[in-house]
């Protein structure tokens, strides 16, 4: 691709775009990341990816074994931005009304009153989501996609900033219901925390000896300020070359020999929004190719379906996405540079 200037020298307008009314996305992101690191040790990259998804108004799927701080990450993230947090423990007998709420007859008023469920919180943790039945999993679809809930013929808007964090165990498949493609496509990114090192786990044991540090986590930014940051992320500039780069990556997943079903147009939008978020977190008013490359695997790996023969050969979606990235030419420009790198 030919060398072009991404916009009218967007670096000159950096502060105008990524900060407004005393709100600076980079400063806010650093505060939240540092706050979460008080309780989730040694996972700065994963925390930064979660923050990027939240700033992009997307939802997060945490896939990992039990006991690696998935729930703690969700609680710490919610507390850091001063949002109402609710946890849903998914089980096979969980009903959609247990999530959305139910109407109860009030004998005093002789009318039905709607009692909202946990989905009406600002941050919702759906723990072990693959243990809920498909009918119950579908109850989250409208809330995740449209930020609203329909119950008993009435539509209720959810209070922003709204975030769904779902967890699932990739090892234990007994009694589970795998998420369908339509549900997976609603999650902006999929993360895996992994085990801590010996040093990190030793420090964790010391901190947990007398109490849990999560009890001491307090908000470092208000929900209103977080919404302002999300609005600023939408204004991050994308050069036509970067947008074409994103589209070529997603379209390449549809033609790959190992992929049965490639990324949808929603995948292109998710990758664009996530790249804007990363650019804002690093203090830039424009997206560079590195922003896209850092997020491609996390954004696309759960959105593609591998062919059966590829799965039999133990090929992983992450590796296929990396191969796709290598085949797509990267746009080059003197303005495509990086600054502070969380990832």
Protein backbone atom coordinates (compact mmCIF):
# COMPACT_ATOMS: atom_id res chain seq x y z
CA UNK A 1 0.00 0.00 0.00
CA UNK A 2 1.16 3.49 -0.74
CA UNK A 3 2.31 5.86 1.97
CA UNK A 4 -0.37 8.38 2.99
CA UNK A 5 -1.02 10.75 5.86
CA UNK A 6 -3.77 9.35 8.16
CA UNK A 7 -5.94 12.47 8.22
CA UNK A 8 -4.74 16.03 8.51
CA UNK A 9 -1.85 15.29 10.85
CA UNK A 10 -4.08 13.88 13.67
CA UNK A 11 -1.19 13.84 16.15
CA UNK A 12 -1.54 17.62 16.46
CA UNK A 13 -5.12 17.22 17.67
CA UNK A 14 -4.39 14.45 20.15
CA UNK A 15 -5.55 16.23 23.30
CA UNK A 16 -8.63 17.60 21.56
CA UNK A 17 -9.78 14.09 20.73
CA UNK A 18 -8.73 11.89 23.67
CA UNK A 19 -9.47 14.41 26.42
CA UNK A 20 -12.34 16.77 27.03
CA UNK A 21 -13.76 18.61 30.04
CA UNK A 22 -10.92 17.43 32.24
CA UNK A 23 -11.45 13.80 31.15
CA UNK A 24 -8.37 12.13 29.65
CA UNK A 25 -8.88 8.56 28.44
CA UNK A 26 -5.22 7.60 28.92
CA UNK A 27 -5.14 8.91 32.50
CA UNK A 28 -8.46 7.27 33.39
CA UNK A 29 -7.39 3.92 31.88
CA UNK A 30 -4.11 3.96 33.83
CA UNK A 31 -5.97 4.68 37.08
CA UNK A 32 -8.39 1.80 36.56
CA UNK A 33 -5.66 -0.64 35.50
CA UNK A 34 -3.53 0.22 38.54
CA UNK A 35 -6.55 -0.15 40.81
CA UNK A 36 -7.39 -3.61 39.47
CA UNK A 37 -3.75 -4.69 39.77
CA UNK A 38 -4.10 -4.35 43.54
CA UNK A 39 -6.16 -7.56 43.53
CA UNK A 40 -5.28 -9.26 40.21
CA UNK A 41 -1.51 -9.75 40.15
CA UNK A 42 0.70 -10.12 37.08
CA UNK A 43 -2.07 -9.85 34.48
CA UNK A 44 -1.57 -6.33 33.14
CA UNK A 45 -2.04 -7.37 29.52
CA UNK A 46 -5.33 -9.15 30.22
CA UNK A 47 -6.56 -6.29 32.41
CA UNK A 48 -5.69 -3.80 29.67
CA UNK A 49 -7.59 -5.85 27.10
CA UNK A 50 -10.62 -5.94 29.40
CA UNK A 51 -10.42 -2.16 29.84
CA UNK A 52 -10.14 -1.73 26.06
CA UNK A 53 -13.30 -3.80 25.56
CA UNK A 54 -15.16 -1.83 28.23
CA UNK A 55 -14.14 1.51 26.72
CA UNK A 56 -15.35 0.22 23.35
CA UNK A 57 -18.74 -0.57 24.95
CA UNK A 58 -18.24 -4.27 24.31
CA UNK A 59 -18.76 -7.37 26.44
CA UNK A 60 -16.11 -9.78 27.72
CA UNK A 61 -15.90 -13.58 27.70
CA UNK A 62 -13.42 -15.03 30.22
CA UNK A 63 -12.53 -18.63 29.40
CA UNK A 64 -10.26 -20.26 31.95
CA UNK A 65 -10.04 -22.89 34.67
CA UNK A 66 -11.55 -22.17 38.12
CA UNK A 67 -9.62 -20.17 40.69
CA UNK A 68 -7.60 -17.80 38.49
CA UNK A 69 -9.42 -14.60 39.57
CA UNK A 70 -12.04 -14.30 36.82
CA UNK A 71 -14.73 -13.20 39.29
CA UNK A 72 -12.30 -10.93 41.13
CA UNK A 73 -11.40 -9.20 37.87
CA UNK A 74 -15.09 -8.55 37.17
CA UNK A 75 -15.76 -7.22 40.68
CA UNK A 76 -12.64 -5.04 40.69
CA UNK A 77 -13.48 -3.58 37.28
CA UNK A 78 -17.01 -2.72 38.40
CA UNK A 79 -15.86 -1.16 41.68
CA UNK A 80 -13.15 0.87 39.96
CA UNK A 81 -15.71 2.75 37.85
CA UNK A 82 -18.32 3.04 40.61
CA UNK A 83 -20.93 0.81 38.98
CA UNK A 84 -23.59 -1.46 40.46
CA UNK A 85 -22.41 -5.09 40.26
CA UNK A 86 -24.51 -8.28 40.26
CA UNK A 87 -23.42 -11.88 39.84
CA UNK A 88 -25.51 -14.62 38.24
CA UNK A 89 -24.47 -18.19 38.98
CA UNK A 90 -25.58 -20.07 35.88
CA UNK A 91 -27.03 -23.56 36.43
CA UNK A 92 -29.18 -25.87 34.27
CA UNK A 93 -32.32 -24.95 36.24
CA UNK A 94 -31.82 -21.18 35.85
CA UNK A 95 -34.78 -19.54 34.08
CA UNK A 96 -34.85 -16.44 31.85
CA UNK A 97 -37.04 -14.73 34.46
CA UNK A 98 -34.25 -15.26 37.01
CA UNK A 99 -32.13 -12.97 34.85
CA UNK A 100 -34.60 -10.46 33.43
CA UNK A 101 -37.05 -10.24 36.31
CA UNK A 102 -40.68 -11.17 36.89
CA UNK A 103 -44.04 -9.48 37.40
CA UNK A 104 -45.67 -10.08 40.79
CA UNK A 105 -49.29 -9.34 41.69
CA UNK A 106 -49.63 -6.65 44.36
CA UNK A 107 -52.81 -7.26 46.38
CA UNK A 108 -52.82 -3.70 47.76
CA UNK A 109 -52.87 -2.02 44.36
CA UNK A 110 -54.55 -4.92 42.51
CA UNK A 111 -51.89 -4.59 39.82
CA UNK A 112 -48.88 -6.51 38.62
CA UNK A 113 -45.52 -4.97 39.55
CA UNK A 114 -42.34 -5.75 37.68
CA UNK A 115 -39.44 -6.83 39.88
CA UNK A 116 -36.23 -6.32 37.87
CA UNK A 117 -33.65 -9.10 37.82
CA UNK A 118 -29.86 -8.88 38.10
CA UNK A 119 -29.51 -7.93 34.43
CA UNK A 120 -30.59 -4.41 35.43
CA UNK A 121 -27.22 -3.82 37.08
CA UNK A 122 -24.52 -1.87 35.28
CA UNK A 123 -21.96 -4.68 35.47
CA UNK A 124 -23.29 -8.23 35.26
CA UNK A 125 -21.17 -11.33 35.80
CA UNK A 126 -22.66 -14.46 34.23
CA UNK A 127 -20.58 -17.10 35.97
CA UNK A 128 -20.20 -20.42 34.11
CA UNK A 129 -22.54 -19.24 31.38
CA UNK A 130 -22.22 -22.52 29.48
CA UNK A 131 -23.99 -24.33 32.34
CA UNK A 132 -27.22 -22.44 31.63
CA UNK A 133 -29.63 -23.84 29.07
CA UNK A 134 -29.82 -22.28 25.59
CA UNK A 135 -33.17 -20.71 26.50
CA UNK A 136 -31.62 -18.93 29.47
CA UNK A 137 -28.49 -17.99 27.53
CA UNK A 138 -30.75 -16.34 24.96
CA UNK A 139 -32.20 -14.11 27.69
CA UNK A 140 -28.91 -12.22 27.65
CA UNK A 141 -28.93 -11.60 23.89
CA UNK A 142 -31.25 -8.59 23.80
CA UNK A 143 -29.55 -7.00 26.80
CA UNK A 144 -26.07 -7.46 25.32
CA UNK A 145 -26.95 -6.31 21.81
CA UNK A 146 -29.44 -3.49 22.45
CA UNK A 147 -28.91 -2.51 26.11
CA UNK A 148 -32.56 -3.13 26.90
CA UNK A 149 -34.83 -5.87 28.21
CA UNK A 150 -38.34 -6.83 27.14
CA UNK A 151 -40.51 -8.47 29.80
CA UNK A 152 -44.29 -8.96 29.84
CA UNK A 153 -44.65 -6.81 26.75
CA UNK A 154 -42.77 -3.87 28.27
CA UNK A 155 -39.33 -2.67 27.18
CA UNK A 156 -36.91 -1.36 29.79
CA UNK A 157 -33.67 0.44 28.99
CA UNK A 158 -30.58 -0.61 30.94
CA UNK A 159 -28.55 1.97 32.82
CA UNK A 160 -25.21 2.81 31.17
CA UNK A 161 -22.38 2.04 31.21
CA UNK A 162 -23.63 -1.54 30.77
CA UNK A 163 -21.21 -4.47 30.69
CA UNK A 164 -21.68 -8.24 30.66
CA UNK A 165 -18.74 -10.38 31.73
CA UNK A 166 -19.29 -14.10 31.20
CA UNK A 167 -17.02 -16.93 32.37
CA UNK A 168 -16.73 -20.52 31.30
CA UNK A 169 -14.46 -23.47 32.05
CA UNK A 170 -12.78 -24.79 28.87
CA UNK A 171 -11.92 -28.13 30.49
CA UNK A 172 -15.11 -29.39 32.17
CA UNK A 173 -17.73 -30.07 29.48
CA UNK A 174 -20.04 -32.37 31.45
CA UNK A 175 -23.50 -30.89 31.84
CA UNK A 176 -22.71 -27.81 29.76
CA UNK A 177 -24.38 -26.15 26.79
CA UNK A 178 -21.84 -24.61 24.39
CA UNK A 179 -22.62 -21.03 23.44
CA UNK A 180 -24.06 -20.73 19.91
CA UNK A 181 -22.30 -18.60 17.32
CA UNK A 182 -24.87 -15.81 17.62
CA UNK A 183 -24.17 -15.52 21.35
CA UNK A 184 -20.39 -15.68 20.97
CA UNK A 185 -20.55 -12.92 18.38
CA UNK A 186 -22.00 -10.58 21.02
CA UNK A 187 -18.77 -10.68 23.04
CA UNK A 188 -16.24 -8.14 21.83
CA UNK A 189 -13.25 -10.09 23.14
CA UNK A 190 -12.39 -13.45 24.68
CA UNK A 191 -9.67 -13.57 27.34
CA UNK A 192 -7.78 -16.19 29.31
CA UNK A 193 -6.02 -15.14 32.52
CA UNK A 194 -3.81 -18.23 32.98
CA UNK A 195 -1.98 -19.35 36.09
CA UNK A 196 0.20 -16.90 38.05
CA UNK A 197 3.94 -17.38 38.51
CA UNK A 198 5.31 -18.73 41.81
CA UNK A 199 6.32 -15.21 42.85
CA UNK A 200 2.90 -13.78 42.03
CA UNK A 201 1.08 -16.61 43.78
CA UNK A 202 3.33 -16.23 46.84
CA UNK A 203 2.46 -12.53 47.05
CA UNK A 204 -1.21 -13.43 46.63
CA UNK A 205 -1.06 -15.81 49.60
CA UNK A 206 0.46 -13.09 51.78
CA UNK A 207 -2.20 -10.57 50.80
CA UNK A 208 -5.04 -13.02 51.43
CA UNK A 209 -3.80 -14.19 54.84
CA UNK A 210 -5.81 -11.65 56.88
CA UNK A 211 -8.53 -10.67 54.41
CA UNK A 212 -9.38 -10.16 50.78
CA UNK A 213 -7.96 -7.03 49.08
CA UNK A 214 -11.15 -6.69 46.99
CA UNK A 215 -12.85 -5.27 50.09
CA UNK A 216 -10.47 -2.30 49.96
CA UNK A 217 -10.94 -1.53 46.26
CA UNK A 218 -12.69 1.80 45.84
CA UNK A 219 -13.82 3.76 42.76
CA UNK A 220 -11.14 5.79 40.98
CA UNK A 221 -13.52 7.23 38.38
CA UNK A 222 -17.26 7.83 38.26
CA UNK A 223 -19.64 6.06 35.93
CA UNK A 224 -20.43 9.40 34.28
CA UNK A 225 -16.74 10.03 33.56
CA UNK A 226 -16.41 6.51 32.17
CA UNK A 227 -19.27 7.19 29.77
CA UNK A 228 -17.48 10.36 28.70
CA UNK A 229 -14.38 8.27 27.94
CA UNK A 230 -16.48 5.86 25.88
CA UNK A 231 -17.81 8.79 23.84
CA UNK A 232 -14.26 10.05 23.25
CA UNK A 233 -13.19 6.59 22.03
CA UNK A 234 -15.83 6.78 19.30
CA UNK A 235 -14.16 9.94 17.97
CA UNK A 236 -10.71 8.36 17.49
CA UNK A 237 -9.66 8.81 13.86
CA UNK A 238 -9.33 5.86 11.46
CA UNK A 239 -7.49 6.38 8.21
CA UNK A 240 -8.99 4.67 5.17
CA UNK A 241 -5.89 2.47 4.99
CA UNK A 242 -6.49 1.23 8.55
CA UNK A 243 -10.15 0.58 7.86
CA UNK A 244 -9.22 -1.36 4.73
CA UNK A 245 -6.62 -3.28 6.75
CA UNK A 246 -9.32 -4.33 9.22
CA UNK A 247 -11.67 -5.42 6.44
CA UNK A 248 -8.95 -7.41 4.67
CA UNK A 249 -8.18 -9.31 7.88
CA UNK A 250 -11.83 -10.21 8.49
CA UNK A 251 -12.43 -11.14 4.85
CA UNK A 252 -9.31 -13.32 4.91
CA UNK A 253 -10.90 -15.41 7.69
CA UNK A 254 -13.75 -16.22 5.30
CA UNK A 255 -11.37 -17.69 2.72
CA UNK A 256 -8.93 -19.51 5.00
CA UNK A 257 -8.55 -23.25 4.36
CA UNK A 258 -8.86 -24.07 8.08
CA UNK A 259 -11.97 -21.97 8.76
CA UNK A 260 -15.49 -23.18 8.08
CA UNK A 261 -17.21 -19.93 9.11
CA UNK A 262 -15.30 -16.66 9.05
CA UNK A 263 -15.83 -13.37 10.83
CA UNK A 264 -19.08 -11.51 10.29
CA UNK A 265 -19.51 -7.76 9.63
CA UNK A 266 -19.99 -7.47 13.39
CA UNK A 267 -16.43 -8.79 13.74
CA UNK A 268 -15.17 -5.95 11.53
CA UNK A 269 -17.00 -3.41 13.65
CA UNK A 270 -15.72 -4.98 16.87
CA UNK A 271 -12.12 -4.90 15.66
CA UNK A 272 -12.49 -1.27 14.62
CA UNK A 273 -14.00 -0.20 17.96
CA UNK A 274 -11.40 -2.14 19.95
CA UNK A 275 -8.55 -0.58 17.95
CA UNK A 276 -9.97 2.88 18.64
CA UNK A 277 -10.04 2.04 22.33
CA UNK A 278 -6.40 0.93 22.38
CA UNK A 279 -5.34 4.10 20.55
CA UNK A 280 -7.12 6.26 23.13
CA UNK A 281 -5.57 4.31 26.01
CA UNK A 282 -2.13 5.06 24.59
CA UNK A 283 -2.82 8.77 24.23
CA UNK A 284 -3.24 8.88 20.46
CA UNK A 285 -6.02 10.49 18.46
CA UNK A 286 -5.68 7.98 15.61
CA UNK A 287 -5.39 4.23 15.11
CA UNK A 288 -2.17 2.59 13.92
CA UNK A 289 -1.73 -0.94 12.51
CA UNK A 290 -0.20 -2.18 15.77
CA UNK A 291 -3.49 -1.42 17.55
CA UNK A 292 -5.27 -3.77 15.19
CA UNK A 293 -2.62 -6.49 15.40
CA UNK A 294 -2.61 -6.53 19.20
CA UNK A 295 -6.34 -7.21 19.34
CA UNK A 296 -7.03 -9.38 16.30
CA UNK A 297 -6.72 -12.75 18.08
CA UNK A 298 -8.79 -11.69 21.11
CA UNK A 299 -11.52 -10.17 18.95
CA UNK A 300 -11.71 -12.78 16.16
CA UNK A 301 -10.74 -16.18 17.59
CA UNK A 302 -14.14 -16.88 19.19
CA UNK A 303 -16.01 -15.59 16.13
CA UNK A 304 -14.66 -18.16 13.65
CA UNK A 305 -15.53 -21.84 13.39
CA UNK A 306 -12.75 -24.21 12.39
CA UNK A 307 -13.35 -27.07 9.98
CA UNK A 308 -13.73 -30.50 11.62
CA UNK A 309 -10.52 -31.79 10.04
CA UNK A 310 -8.62 -28.79 11.39
CA UNK A 311 -9.93 -29.42 14.89
CA UNK A 312 -8.86 -33.05 14.61
CA UNK A 313 -5.35 -31.84 13.81
CA UNK A 314 -5.44 -29.84 17.07
CA UNK A 315 -5.25 -26.53 15.20
CA UNK A 316 -6.31 -23.62 17.40
CA UNK A 317 -8.29 -20.58 16.31
CA UNK A 318 -5.68 -18.21 17.77
CA UNK A 319 -2.97 -19.77 15.59
CA UNK A 320 -5.15 -19.52 12.49
CA UNK A 321 -5.81 -15.82 13.15
CA UNK A 322 -2.06 -15.25 13.50
CA UNK A 323 -1.48 -16.97 10.15
CA UNK A 324 -4.15 -14.77 8.59
CA UNK A 325 -2.45 -11.66 9.97
CA UNK A 326 0.85 -12.66 8.39
CA UNK A 327 -0.76 -12.91 4.94
CA UNK A 328 -2.46 -9.51 5.03
CA UNK A 329 -0.18 -6.60 4.01
CA UNK A 330 0.30 -3.97 6.72
CA UNK A 331 -0.23 -0.30 5.77
CA UNK A 332 2.91 1.84 6.14
CA UNK A 333 3.14 5.53 7.01
CA UNK A 334 5.52 7.80 8.90
CA UNK A 335 2.66 8.72 11.26
CA UNK A 336 2.07 5.09 12.29
CA UNK A 337 4.05 5.07 15.51
CA UNK A 338 3.31 3.83 19.02
CA UNK A 339 3.78 5.42 22.39
CA UNK A 340 3.14 3.86 25.81
CA UNK A 341 2.28 0.20 25.36
CA UNK A 342 0.00 -1.59 27.82
CA UNK A 343 -0.12 -4.72 25.71
